[in-house]
Amino acid sequence: MERTMDNRIFQRVLQIVSIVGLIASIGLMVAGWKAGLFTSPEAMSAFVAGLGAAGIIVFVLFQAVQVVLPILPGSLGCLVGVMMYGALGGFVLNYIGICAGSLLAFGIAKICGRPLMHKMFSEKLIHKYDHWTGEGSPFAKLFAIAIAMPVAPDDFLCYLAGTTKMKWKIFTAIILLCKPFGIAAYSLGLTVLWEQILKLIG
């Protein structure tokens, strides 16, 4: 009885956190869009640098938001991370923010279900991956492999996972253990790209 009550309380807290996170994400998106931060890595970098130590928190929040609201360019945040904090620092901050956003997206999907997913993503994308959730499909394995790859639609897959019977502990383990591979590959590629840009303009 006590365990059932604890589970209900835990689920309720997750629901509240997910809803508050979604509202905060929308607010951050609107403010950032008005400031032109989502269209220019230079503008985003200057904004974060101007905040001093608090800029790290803002950057991590930005990375979380771009997972929850995938209309934002995720590559922009990764590039800013590399520009401002270097390959290692950018990787760590990208990892923290993207993992947080992934968990939040999963929680929101658990609450809202498929109707929200159909409003956020194209039917073509949904149809492409829908068979992963079919009866007998090894969804957890497919999800883990996709999350580890830098080119997979991670934001969509996190929402999709939230509409399945996948448990929180399984999802969290996959995100924490598999995300580093994709983020590392992305950060490395962006580091090389940024170094080439600096050479051209230097």
Protein backbone atom coordinates (compact mmCIF):
# COMPACT_ATOMS: atom_id res chain seq x y z
CA MET A 1 0.00 0.00 0.00
CA GLU A 2 2.80 2.41 0.93
CA ARG A 3 4.72 1.57 -2.26
CA THR A 4 1.59 2.23 -4.37
CA MET A 5 1.10 5.57 -2.64
CA ASP A 6 4.78 6.48 -3.14
CA ASN A 7 4.52 5.63 -6.86
CA ARG A 8 1.45 7.83 -7.22
CA ILE A 9 3.19 10.73 -5.50
CA PHE A 10 6.28 10.24 -7.68
CA GLN A 11 4.18 10.18 -10.85
CA ARG A 12 2.33 13.31 -9.74
CA VAL A 13 5.57 15.15 -9.08
CA LEU A 14 6.86 14.14 -12.52
CA GLN A 15 3.67 15.45 -14.11
CA ILE A 16 4.00 18.79 -12.36
CA VAL A 17 7.70 19.09 -13.26
CA SER A 18 6.95 18.24 -16.90
CA ILE A 19 4.17 20.81 -17.17
CA VAL A 20 6.23 23.53 -15.48
CA GLY A 21 9.18 22.63 -17.70
CA LEU A 22 7.05 22.93 -20.84
CA ILE A 23 5.74 26.35 -19.79
CA ALA A 24 9.25 27.54 -18.95
CA SER A 25 10.55 26.21 -22.27
CA ILE A 26 7.93 28.13 -24.21
CA GLY A 27 8.76 31.28 -22.28
CA LEU A 28 12.48 30.91 -22.96
CA MET A 29 11.81 30.21 -26.62
CA VAL A 30 9.72 33.36 -27.06
CA ALA A 31 12.26 35.54 -25.26
CA GLY A 32 15.17 34.07 -27.19
CA TRP A 33 13.39 34.39 -30.51
CA LYS A 34 12.66 38.07 -29.92
CA ALA A 35 16.32 38.61 -29.09
CA GLY A 36 17.43 36.87 -32.29
CA LEU A 37 19.36 34.20 -30.39
CA PHE A 38 18.03 31.25 -32.37
CA THR A 39 19.20 32.43 -35.76
CA SER A 40 22.79 33.45 -35.08
CA PRO A 41 25.50 31.54 -33.17
CA GLU A 42 27.35 34.83 -32.74
CA ALA A 43 24.33 36.49 -31.11
CA MET A 44 23.76 33.49 -28.86
CA SER A 45 27.43 33.38 -27.90
CA ALA A 46 27.52 37.10 -27.11
CA PHE A 47 24.35 36.83 -25.02
CA VAL A 48 25.65 33.89 -22.97
CA ALA A 49 29.08 35.52 -22.50
CA GLY A 50 27.42 38.70 -21.27
CA LEU A 51 25.76 36.79 -18.44
CA GLY A 52 29.05 35.76 -16.88
CA ALA A 53 28.90 32.67 -14.69
CA ALA A 54 25.11 32.54 -15.05
CA GLY A 55 25.64 32.07 -18.78
CA ILE A 56 26.49 28.42 -18.19
CA ILE A 57 23.08 27.84 -16.62
CA VAL A 58 21.33 29.70 -19.44
CA PHE A 59 23.21 27.70 -22.05
CA VAL A 60 22.28 24.39 -20.41
CA LEU A 61 18.65 25.52 -20.27
CA PHE A 62 18.80 26.45 -23.94
CA GLN A 63 20.03 22.98 -24.83
CA ALA A 64 17.21 21.45 -22.80
CA VAL A 65 14.63 23.66 -24.48
CA GLN A 66 15.74 22.72 -27.98
CA VAL A 67 14.89 19.10 -27.20
CA VAL A 68 11.50 19.88 -25.66
CA LEU A 69 10.63 22.29 -28.47
CA PRO A 70 12.35 20.80 -31.54
CA ILE A 71 11.46 23.75 -33.75
CA LEU A 72 14.68 25.28 -32.47
CA PRO A 73 17.95 24.44 -34.27
CA GLY A 74 19.75 21.99 -32.00
CA SER A 75 22.99 22.32 -33.96
CA LEU A 76 23.10 26.00 -33.02
CA GLY A 77 23.45 25.18 -29.33
CA CYS A 78 26.14 22.58 -29.94
CA LEU A 79 28.12 25.03 -32.03
CA VAL A 80 27.82 27.74 -29.38
CA GLY A 81 29.03 25.24 -26.78
CA VAL A 82 32.14 24.53 -28.83
CA MET A 83 32.73 28.22 -29.55
CA MET A 84 32.49 29.30 -25.93
CA TYR A 85 33.66 26.37 -23.83
CA GLY A 86 35.89 24.35 -26.15
CA ALA A 87 35.49 20.72 -27.20
CA LEU A 88 35.49 19.22 -23.70
CA GLY A 89 33.56 21.96 -21.89
CA GLY A 90 31.07 22.21 -24.73
CA PHE A 91 30.56 18.45 -24.69
CA VAL A 92 29.87 18.36 -20.95
CA LEU A 93 27.39 21.23 -21.05
CA ASN A 94 25.72 19.88 -24.18
CA TYR A 95 25.40 16.51 -22.47
CA ILE A 96 23.81 17.93 -19.32
CA GLY A 97 21.35 20.13 -21.19
CA ILE A 98 20.34 17.61 -23.83
CA CYS A 99 19.89 14.81 -21.29
CA ALA A 100 17.72 17.08 -19.13
CA GLY A 101 15.62 18.05 -22.13
CA SER A 102 15.29 14.42 -23.20
CA LEU A 103 13.96 13.41 -19.79
CA LEU A 104 11.54 16.33 -19.83
CA ALA A 105 10.28 15.45 -23.31
CA PHE A 106 9.73 11.85 -22.22
CA GLY A 107 7.75 13.03 -19.18
CA ILE A 108 5.60 15.38 -21.25
CA ALA A 109 4.81 12.59 -23.72
CA LYS A 110 3.86 10.30 -20.83
CA ILE A 111 1.27 12.88 -19.78
CA CYS A 112 -0.03 14.08 -23.15
CA GLY A 113 0.34 10.92 -25.22
CA ARG A 114 0.23 10.63 -29.00
CA PRO A 115 -2.12 13.59 -29.69
CA LEU A 116 0.66 16.01 -28.75
CA MET A 117 3.18 14.13 -30.87
CA HIS A 118 0.95 14.45 -33.94
CA LYS A 119 0.79 18.21 -33.40
CA MET A 120 4.55 18.61 -33.02
CA PHE A 121 5.90 16.32 -35.73
CA SER A 122 5.08 15.52 -39.33
CA GLU A 123 2.99 12.47 -40.15
CA LYS A 124 5.81 11.31 -42.43
CA LEU A 125 8.28 11.22 -39.54
CA ILE A 126 5.81 9.48 -37.25
CA HIS A 127 5.00 6.87 -39.88
CA LYS A 128 8.71 6.22 -40.46
CA TYR A 129 9.32 5.13 -36.87
CA ASP A 130 5.87 3.99 -35.79
CA HIS A 131 6.61 0.33 -36.53
CA TRP A 132 9.28 0.42 -33.81
CA THR A 133 6.51 0.46 -31.23
CA GLY A 134 4.63 -2.53 -32.67
CA GLU A 135 3.94 -5.73 -30.78
CA GLY A 136 7.11 -7.79 -30.41
CA SER A 137 9.38 -5.02 -31.65
CA PRO A 138 12.62 -4.58 -29.64
CA PHE A 139 11.91 -0.88 -29.15
CA ALA A 140 14.37 -0.37 -26.29
CA LYS A 141 17.27 -1.76 -28.34
CA LEU A 142 16.36 0.24 -31.44
CA PHE A 143 15.93 3.36 -29.33
CA ALA A 144 19.33 2.90 -27.66
CA ILE A 145 21.10 2.46 -31.00
CA ALA A 146 19.39 5.53 -32.47
CA ILE A 147 20.20 7.70 -29.45
CA ALA A 148 23.88 6.78 -29.76
CA MET A 149 23.95 7.97 -33.38
CA PRO A 150 24.50 11.70 -34.10
CA VAL A 151 22.06 11.84 -37.03
CA ALA A 152 18.94 10.32 -35.43
CA PRO A 153 15.91 12.55 -34.65
CA ASP A 154 16.52 12.32 -30.90
CA ASP A 155 13.87 14.84 -29.88
CA PHE A 156 11.15 12.95 -31.75
CA LEU A 157 12.34 9.59 -30.46
CA CYS A 158 12.19 10.82 -26.85
CA TYR A 159 8.56 11.83 -27.36
CA LEU A 160 7.85 8.54 -29.12
CA ALA A 161 9.37 6.60 -26.22
CA GLY A 162 7.10 8.48 -23.86
CA THR A 163 4.05 7.09 -25.67
CA THR A 164 5.20 3.50 -25.11
CA LYS A 165 5.28 1.32 -22.01
CA MET A 166 8.99 2.04 -21.51
CA LYS A 167 9.80 2.62 -17.84
CA TRP A 168 11.53 5.72 -16.54
CA LYS A 169 14.58 3.80 -15.33
CA ILE A 170 15.11 2.17 -18.73
CA PHE A 171 14.72 5.45 -20.59
CA THR A 172 17.02 7.29 -18.19
CA ALA A 173 19.70 4.61 -18.44
CA ILE A 174 19.62 4.68 -22.24
CA ILE A 175 19.81 8.48 -22.37
CA LEU A 176 22.65 8.78 -19.85
CA LEU A 177 24.71 5.93 -21.32
CA CYS A 178 24.09 6.34 -25.06
CA LYS A 179 23.83 10.11 -25.48
CA PRO A 180 27.57 10.73 -24.98
CA PHE A 181 28.42 8.92 -28.23
CA GLY A 182 26.19 11.04 -30.42
CA ILE A 183 27.06 14.28 -28.64
CA ALA A 184 30.79 13.52 -28.77
CA ALA A 185 30.63 12.86 -32.51
CA TYR A 186 28.62 16.03 -33.04
CA SER A 187 30.92 18.14 -30.84
CA LEU A 188 34.04 16.78 -32.56
CA GLY A 189 32.64 17.57 -35.99
CA LEU A 190 31.64 21.07 -34.92
CA THR A 191 35.06 21.64 -33.32
CA VAL A 192 36.78 20.82 -36.61
CA LEU A 193 34.32 23.04 -38.48
CA TRP A 194 34.83 25.94 -36.08
CA GLU A 195 38.62 25.65 -36.31
CA GLN A 196 38.38 25.80 -40.11
CA ILE A 197 36.17 28.88 -39.92
CA LEU A 198 38.67 30.59 -37.61
CA LYS A 199 41.49 29.81 -40.05
CA LEU A 200 39.53 31.29 -42.95
CA ILE A 201 38.71 34.52 -41.15
CA GLY A 202 42.01 34.72 -39.25
